[in-house]
Amino acid sequence: MSMPRVFFYVQHLLGIGHIARASRIAGALARDRFDVTVVTGGLPVPGFPADGIETVALPPVVASNAGFSGLADSNGVAANEAFLSQRRDRLLSAFRNCAPDVVIIEAFPFGRRQMRFELLPLLDAIEKARPRPKLFSSVRDILQQNRKPGRDEETVALVRDHFDGVLVHGDPNFIRLEETFPLTFDIASKIHYTGIVAAPRAALPRETFDVIASAGGGAVGLDLLQAAKAAAAILPADLRWLLISGPNLPEADFASLENARPGNVTLARFRKDFPSLLRGARVSISQAGYNTVGDLLQTDCRAILIPFVAGGETEQTVRARRLEALGLADILPEASLSPQIVANAVKKALATPRVAKASVNLSGAEATAAIIRSMTG
């Protein structure tokens, strides 16, 4: 008997959180004997998807502004109609070639509205396919809250008309979807909570650092890293620091971090052993992205969170406040970040007794595969 075929679309525009989460889910599906094809629409990220996963790379687009409203190609040039039409055609061709039993679309229709030029035609192709594949939306537990009237109603209509299920990658005991999507009740029968899609619990690290400051993908983390580097010079020199810039930090910015770097500070672009390093650290300084928080919840490392808020983003602030309420993190505002503020926060964190992590379901990748298996027979 042939393995069920899964066609998994993921578009990351700024950071690497979306592609990292999708890659972990794709891996769990492959381990559960699904034949998985991941369609990526962003810049390549080393290690994602994992080796052995079939990948179709569309001509990449990135966010052309902090509000994610515009699209640009890999050279930063605004994506024109011809470019977007080519992408759409390649996506539809890949769908036809795959002839999947299951389609998973990451974020849409709860997010990624700027990708409707190719996703609405994909929905149409799915509806016309015979046999019609099952269609799932794959979303994180906390959504960007819509400020424009009618957007949530439009999302509900698309879910009702096209989707067989909505895979919510979170633990309802930590946060429920209706807290950031008020019309959840209208699609309640299609909601499936999976737990947080976290990396497997890492082994203890081979080297340890007292403080780790990380910027996720790196596209918007320079201020955090600069403040952390300067804070290291303020605090005692026997503290060992690691700054992880992320692969998308521009080369000139990376060079500026290397310049006049204190001797107790190590700088790296990317560390594959990041979850392991967190287990050995005393303090983590980071944004409040989904994947970083998933890693933190597997350690007793004290977290200092600096939520990303540019362009009206709300998701990371909601997540950070939930962790703060549980006594697991301190929050610093992105707008007023300074070396002294970071130094004071690190000093406080080092003096704060460690607390047991909240009991949060972190096995979301495996649960996602099990849910899809149960709904596809």
Protein backbone atom coordinates (compact mmCIF):
# COMPACT_ATOMS: atom_id res chain seq x y z
CA MET A 1 0.00 0.00 0.00
CA SER A 2 1.42 3.39 -0.99
CA MET A 3 2.08 6.07 1.59
CA PRO A 4 -0.40 9.00 1.74
CA ARG A 5 1.05 12.04 -0.04
CA VAL A 6 1.20 15.39 1.81
CA PHE A 7 1.68 18.74 0.06
CA PHE A 8 2.82 21.27 2.69
CA TYR A 9 3.02 24.99 1.76
CA VAL A 10 5.00 27.36 4.00
CA GLN A 11 5.95 30.99 3.37
CA HIS A 12 8.36 32.73 5.74
CA LEU A 13 8.78 36.44 5.10
CA LEU A 14 11.05 37.83 7.82
CA GLY A 15 12.18 35.38 10.49
CA ILE A 16 12.71 31.62 10.34
CA GLY A 17 10.02 30.55 12.83
CA HIS A 18 7.46 29.48 10.23
CA ILE A 19 9.87 27.33 8.22
CA ALA A 20 11.35 25.81 11.41
CA ARG A 21 7.93 24.79 12.75
CA ALA A 22 6.78 23.45 9.37
CA SER A 23 10.00 21.46 9.03
CA ARG A 24 9.50 19.79 12.41
CA ILE A 25 5.93 18.85 11.44
CA ALA A 26 7.12 17.54 8.06
CA GLY A 27 9.67 15.38 9.85
CA ALA A 28 7.02 13.93 12.16
CA LEU A 29 4.78 13.19 9.17
CA ALA A 30 7.63 11.42 7.38
CA ARG A 31 8.33 9.33 10.49
CA ASP A 32 4.64 8.38 10.50
CA ARG A 33 5.05 7.08 6.92
CA PHE A 34 3.59 9.98 4.98
CA ASP A 35 5.22 10.92 1.67
CA VAL A 36 5.85 14.64 2.29
CA THR A 37 6.58 17.44 -0.17
CA VAL A 38 7.31 20.82 1.42
CA VAL A 39 6.82 23.88 -0.80
CA THR A 40 8.88 26.83 0.42
CA GLY A 41 8.40 30.43 -0.65
CA GLY A 42 11.06 32.30 1.32
CA LEU A 43 14.83 32.60 1.29
CA PRO A 44 16.69 29.32 1.86
CA VAL A 45 17.43 28.47 5.51
CA PRO A 46 20.20 25.91 6.15
CA GLY A 47 18.82 22.75 7.75
CA PHE A 48 15.16 23.45 6.94
CA PRO A 49 13.45 21.34 5.76
CA ALA A 50 15.52 18.42 7.02
CA ASP A 51 17.45 16.11 4.74
CA GLY A 52 15.26 13.47 3.14
CA ILE A 53 12.18 15.68 2.81
CA GLU A 54 11.16 16.38 -0.78
CA THR A 55 11.25 20.16 -1.34
CA VAL A 56 9.91 22.48 -4.01
CA ALA A 57 11.44 25.95 -3.79
CA LEU A 58 9.35 28.71 -5.35
CA PRO A 59 11.11 31.93 -6.46
CA PRO A 60 11.58 33.48 -3.01
CA VAL A 61 9.82 36.56 -1.69
CA VAL A 62 10.47 38.48 1.51
CA ALA A 63 8.63 41.19 3.41
CA SER A 64 9.43 44.59 1.92
CA ASN A 65 8.45 46.43 5.12
CA ALA A 66 8.04 45.78 8.85
CA GLY A 67 4.27 45.59 8.50
CA PHE A 68 4.51 42.63 6.08
CA SER A 69 2.16 44.36 3.62
CA GLY A 70 4.55 44.36 0.64
CA LEU A 71 6.56 41.67 -1.12
CA ALA A 72 10.03 41.85 -2.61
CA ASP A 73 12.26 39.36 -4.40
CA SER A 74 15.53 38.04 -2.99
CA ASN A 75 17.33 41.22 -4.15
CA GLY A 76 14.88 43.51 -2.36
CA VAL A 77 13.16 44.58 -5.58
CA ALA A 78 9.38 44.93 -5.33
CA ALA A 79 7.71 41.82 -6.74
CA ASN A 80 5.83 42.72 -9.92
CA GLU A 81 2.82 41.01 -11.49
CA ALA A 82 4.89 38.90 -13.89
CA PHE A 83 7.06 37.59 -11.05
CA LEU A 84 4.04 36.72 -8.90
CA SER A 85 2.26 35.05 -11.83
CA GLN A 86 5.29 32.85 -12.41
CA ARG A 87 5.26 31.83 -8.73
CA ARG A 88 1.55 31.02 -8.84
CA ASP A 89 1.97 28.86 -11.93
CA ARG A 90 4.88 26.96 -10.40
CA LEU A 91 2.88 26.34 -7.22
CA LEU A 92 -0.12 25.00 -9.14
CA SER A 93 2.14 22.83 -11.31
CA ALA A 94 3.80 21.39 -8.19
CA PHE A 95 0.37 20.62 -6.72
CA ARG A 96 -0.72 18.78 -9.85
CA ASN A 97 2.54 16.82 -10.02
CA CYS A 98 2.25 15.78 -6.39
CA ALA A 99 -1.43 14.74 -6.63
CA PRO A 100 -1.60 14.77 -2.84
CA ASP A 101 -4.02 13.11 -0.46
CA VAL A 102 -3.50 15.92 2.08
CA VAL A 103 -2.68 19.62 1.68
CA ILE A 104 -1.42 21.69 4.61
CA ILE A 105 -1.19 25.47 4.26
CA GLU A 106 0.82 27.18 6.96
CA ALA A 107 -0.76 30.36 8.46
CA PHE A 108 -3.40 31.01 5.79
CA PRO A 109 -6.21 32.07 5.98
CA PHE A 110 -5.46 33.44 9.48
CA GLY A 111 -2.34 35.15 8.13
CA ARG A 112 -0.35 35.56 4.92
CA ARG A 113 -3.10 37.58 3.20
CA GLN A 114 -0.43 39.01 0.88
CA MET A 115 -0.08 35.50 -0.60
CA ARG A 116 -3.72 35.32 -1.77
CA PHE A 117 -2.55 35.82 -5.37
CA GLU A 118 -1.38 32.19 -5.35
CA LEU A 119 -3.26 30.62 -2.44
CA LEU A 120 -6.78 31.39 -3.66
CA PRO A 121 -5.99 29.69 -7.00
CA LEU A 122 -4.56 26.77 -5.01
CA LEU A 123 -7.80 26.48 -3.02
CA ASP A 124 -9.70 26.44 -6.30
CA ALA A 125 -7.45 23.70 -7.68
CA ILE A 126 -7.96 21.63 -4.52
CA GLU A 127 -11.74 21.90 -4.83
CA LYS A 128 -11.62 20.76 -8.47
CA ALA A 129 -9.23 17.85 -7.86
CA ARG A 130 -10.66 14.33 -8.02
CA PRO A 131 -10.28 12.80 -5.58
CA ARG A 132 -10.23 16.00 -3.53
CA PRO A 133 -7.43 16.03 -0.95
CA LYS A 134 -8.07 16.87 2.70
CA LEU A 135 -7.09 20.47 3.44
CA PHE A 136 -5.70 21.75 6.74
CA SER A 137 -4.61 25.15 7.99
CA SER A 138 -1.54 25.02 10.24
CA VAL A 139 -1.38 27.94 12.68
CA ARG A 140 0.55 28.90 15.78
CA ASP A 141 -1.27 29.31 19.08
CA ILE A 142 -1.22 33.14 19.12
CA LEU A 143 -2.37 35.06 16.05
CA GLN A 144 -1.69 38.60 14.94
CA GLN A 145 -4.83 40.48 15.91
CA ASN A 146 -6.61 42.05 12.96
CA ARG A 147 -7.32 45.76 13.15
CA LYS A 148 -9.32 46.05 9.92
CA PRO A 149 -13.06 45.34 10.02
CA GLY A 150 -14.23 42.26 8.18
CA ARG A 151 -10.89 40.41 8.17
CA ASP A 152 -11.90 37.83 10.80
CA GLU A 153 -15.22 37.23 9.05
CA GLU A 154 -13.36 36.65 5.78
CA THR A 155 -11.12 34.11 7.50
CA VAL A 156 -14.10 32.24 8.93
CA ALA A 157 -15.75 32.09 5.49
CA LEU A 158 -12.61 30.61 3.89
CA VAL A 159 -12.28 28.01 6.65
CA ARG A 160 -15.92 27.01 6.37
CA ASP A 161 -15.86 26.79 2.59
CA HIS A 162 -12.53 25.06 2.01
CA PHE A 163 -10.76 23.61 5.06
CA ASP A 164 -11.34 20.25 6.71
CA GLY A 165 -9.46 21.20 9.85
CA VAL A 166 -7.45 23.90 11.60
CA LEU A 167 -4.34 22.59 13.38
CA VAL A 168 -3.62 24.97 16.27
CA HIS A 169 -0.06 24.38 17.40
CA GLY A 170 -0.51 25.22 21.05
CA ASP A 171 -1.67 23.94 24.42
CA PRO A 172 -5.14 25.26 25.36
CA ASN A 173 -4.05 25.24 29.01
CA PHE A 174 -1.39 27.82 28.10
CA ILE A 175 -3.43 29.96 25.72
CA ARG A 176 -6.57 29.37 23.69
CA LEU A 177 -7.11 30.45 20.10
CA GLU A 178 -10.15 32.60 20.95
CA GLU A 179 -7.92 34.88 23.03
CA THR A 180 -6.45 36.27 19.80
CA PHE A 181 -9.08 35.18 17.27
CA PRO A 182 -12.50 36.23 18.60
CA LEU A 183 -14.56 34.29 16.02
CA THR A 184 -13.09 30.91 16.98
CA PHE A 185 -16.51 29.69 18.15
CA ASP A 186 -17.82 29.98 14.57
CA ILE A 187 -15.34 27.31 13.41
CA ALA A 188 -15.03 25.38 16.69
CA SER A 189 -15.85 22.03 15.07
CA LYS A 190 -12.75 22.30 12.86
CA ILE A 191 -10.24 23.25 15.60
CA HIS A 192 -7.63 20.67 16.69
CA TYR A 193 -5.04 21.61 19.34
CA THR A 194 -1.75 19.80 18.84
CA GLY A 195 0.46 21.16 21.59
CA ILE A 196 3.48 23.36 20.90
CA VAL A 197 5.72 22.16 18.07
CA ALA A 198 9.03 22.10 19.93
CA ALA A 199 12.35 20.53 19.10
CA PRO A 200 13.11 17.28 20.96
CA ARG A 201 14.56 17.92 24.43
CA ALA A 202 18.24 18.59 23.88
CA ALA A 203 21.16 16.95 25.61
CA LEU A 204 23.27 18.95 28.02
CA PRO A 205 25.76 21.18 26.16
CA ARG A 206 29.45 20.54 25.69
CA GLU A 207 30.20 24.18 26.44
CA THR A 208 28.29 26.56 28.69
CA PHE A 209 27.56 30.27 28.80
CA ASP A 210 26.02 32.30 31.60
CA VAL A 211 24.03 34.56 29.27
CA ILE A 212 22.81 33.83 25.73
CA ALA A 213 21.41 36.67 23.62
CA SER A 214 19.76 35.48 20.41
CA ALA A 215 17.98 37.25 17.55
CA GLY A 216 16.06 34.41 15.89
CA GLY A 217 16.44 34.76 12.13
CA GLY A 218 18.33 38.00 12.66
CA ALA A 219 16.46 40.27 10.26
CA VAL A 220 15.26 42.57 13.06
CA GLY A 221 17.48 41.74 16.05
CA LEU A 222 20.42 44.12 15.79
CA ASP A 223 19.34 46.50 18.57
CA LEU A 224 18.90 43.60 20.99
CA LEU A 225 22.36 42.24 20.22
CA GLN A 226 24.06 45.63 20.41
CA ALA A 227 22.50 46.32 23.80
CA ALA A 228 23.52 42.86 25.04
CA LYS A 229 27.12 43.33 23.88
CA ALA A 230 27.34 46.66 25.67
CA ALA A 231 25.68 45.23 28.79
CA ALA A 232 28.36 42.54 28.93
CA ALA A 233 30.95 45.30 29.33
CA ILE A 234 29.00 46.77 32.25
CA LEU A 235 28.55 43.55 34.23
CA PRO A 236 31.31 41.45 35.83
CA ALA A 237 33.87 40.18 33.34
CA ASP A 238 33.68 36.61 34.64
CA LEU A 239 30.22 36.17 33.09
CA ARG A 240 30.44 34.26 29.79
CA TRP A 241 28.18 35.61 27.03
CA LEU A 242 27.13 34.18 23.69
CA LEU A 243 25.51 36.37 21.03
CA ILE A 244 23.73 34.53 18.20
CA SER A 245 22.91 36.89 15.34
CA GLY A 246 20.77 34.66 13.13
CA PRO A 247 21.48 33.90 9.46
CA ASN A 248 19.59 36.93 8.10
CA LEU A 249 21.52 39.66 9.90
CA PRO A 250 23.27 41.77 7.22
CA GLU A 251 27.01 41.23 6.99
CA ALA A 252 27.83 44.85 7.86
CA ASP A 253 25.76 44.58 11.05
CA PHE A 254 27.48 41.34 12.00
CA ALA A 255 30.84 43.03 11.52
CA SER A 256 29.74 45.88 13.80
CA LEU A 257 29.02 43.37 16.56
CA GLU A 258 32.47 41.86 16.13
CA ASN A 259 34.09 45.29 16.41
CA ALA A 260 35.35 46.04 19.96
CA ARG A 261 33.76 42.86 21.26
CA PRO A 262 34.51 42.29 24.98
CA GLY A 263 36.73 39.31 25.69
CA ASN A 264 34.01 37.47 27.60
CA VAL A 265 31.61 37.63 24.62
CA THR A 266 31.45 34.98 21.89
CA LEU A 267 29.68 35.86 18.64
CA ALA A 268 28.09 33.34 16.26
CA ARG A 269 25.75 33.57 13.30
CA PHE A 270 23.94 30.32 13.95
CA ARG A 271 24.22 27.47 16.44
CA LYS A 272 22.55 24.19 15.60
CA ASP A 273 22.91 23.26 19.27
CA PHE A 274 20.94 26.31 20.47
CA PRO A 275 18.36 24.25 22.46
CA SER A 276 21.23 22.42 24.16
CA LEU A 277 23.04 25.66 24.94
CA LEU A 278 19.91 27.03 26.63
CA ARG A 279 19.92 24.05 28.99
CA GLY A 280 23.34 25.11 30.23
CA ALA A 281 22.68 28.86 30.41
CA ARG A 282 21.52 30.88 33.40
CA VAL A 283 19.85 33.70 31.45
CA SER A 284 18.44 34.00 27.92
CA ILE A 285 17.81 37.34 26.20
CA SER A 286 15.64 37.07 23.10
CA GLN A 287 12.51 38.12 21.33
CA ALA A 288 9.37 36.16 22.20
CA GLY A 289 9.04 34.09 19.05
CA TYR A 290 7.21 30.77 19.01
CA ASN A 291 10.25 28.52 18.53
CA THR A 292 12.53 30.28 20.99
CA VAL A 293 9.87 30.10 23.69
CA GLY A 294 9.33 26.41 22.89
CA ASP A 295 13.04 25.86 23.49
CA LEU A 296 12.99 27.90 26.72
CA LEU A 297 10.08 25.90 28.14
CA GLN A 298 12.31 22.82 28.11
CA THR A 299 14.92 24.42 30.38
CA ASP A 300 15.14 26.22 33.72
CA CYS A 301 17.01 29.10 32.09
CA ARG A 302 15.61 32.48 33.18
CA ALA A 303 14.15 34.40 30.22
CA ILE A 304 14.36 38.10 29.40
CA LEU A 305 11.96 38.70 26.54
CA ILE A 306 11.95 41.71 24.19
CA PRO A 307 8.82 41.25 22.05
CA PHE A 308 8.91 42.34 18.41
CA VAL A 309 6.30 45.09 17.96
CA ALA A 310 7.27 46.88 14.72
CA GLY A 311 4.47 47.35 12.22
CA GLY A 312 1.81 46.82 14.89
CA GLU A 313 2.80 43.23 15.64
CA THR A 314 1.01 41.87 18.73
CA GLU A 315 1.75 38.12 18.79
CA GLN A 316 5.04 38.20 20.67
CA THR A 317 3.74 40.62 23.30
CA VAL A 318 0.82 38.31 24.10
CA ARG A 319 3.17 35.33 24.46
CA ALA A 320 5.67 37.25 26.60
CA ARG A 321 2.97 38.49 28.98
CA ARG A 322 1.64 34.97 29.45
CA LEU A 323 5.11 33.75 30.41
CA GLU A 324 5.60 36.76 32.70
CA ALA A 325 2.30 35.99 34.46
CA LEU A 326 3.55 32.44 35.10
CA GLY A 327 6.73 33.81 36.67
CA LEU A 328 8.89 32.41 33.88
CA ALA A 329 10.14 35.60 32.21
CA ASP A 330 10.80 39.31 32.51
CA ILE A 331 9.84 41.70 29.71
CA LEU A 332 11.81 44.64 28.34
CA PRO A 333 10.29 47.12 25.85
CA GLU A 334 11.82 47.12 22.38
CA ALA A 335 11.45 50.88 21.99
CA SER A 336 13.52 51.95 25.02
CA LEU A 337 16.21 49.29 24.99
CA SER A 338 19.61 50.39 26.32
CA PRO A 339 22.77 48.67 27.61
CA GLN A 340 22.02 49.73 31.19
CA ILE A 341 18.43 48.46 31.04
CA VAL A 342 19.65 45.10 29.73
CA ALA A 343 22.43 44.95 32.32
CA ASN A 344 19.95 45.64 35.14
CA ALA A 345 17.60 42.94 33.81
CA VAL A 346 20.41 40.38 33.61
CA LYS A 347 21.55 41.23 37.14
CA LYS A 348 17.99 40.76 38.41
CA ALA A 349 17.56 37.49 36.49
CA LEU A 350 20.80 36.07 37.88
CA ALA A 351 19.58 36.80 41.39
CA THR A 352 16.09 35.34 40.84
CA PRO A 353 15.60 31.76 42.07
CA ARG A 354 14.84 29.36 39.26
CA VAL A 355 11.26 28.07 39.13
CA ALA A 356 9.81 24.91 37.67
CA LYS A 357 8.58 25.38 34.13
CA ALA A 358 4.87 25.31 33.46
CA SER A 359 3.47 21.96 32.38
CA VAL A 360 2.94 22.72 28.69
CA ASN A 361 2.41 20.13 25.96
CA LEU A 362 5.45 20.36 23.69
CA SER A 363 4.81 17.33 21.45
CA GLY A 364 2.91 19.20 18.74
CA ALA A 365 4.72 17.73 15.73
CA GLU A 366 3.87 14.13 16.59
CA ALA A 367 0.29 15.05 17.56
CA THR A 368 -0.17 16.84 14.22
CA ALA A 369 0.80 13.69 12.34
CA ALA A 370 -1.57 11.61 14.49
CA ILE A 371 -4.49 13.98 13.90
CA ILE A 372 -3.96 13.98 10.13
CA ARG A 373 -3.63 10.19 10.14
CA SER A 374 -6.93 9.84 12.03
CA MET A 375 -8.74 12.11 9.57
CA THR A 376 -7.36 10.55 6.41
CA GLY A 377 -7.88 6.90 7.22
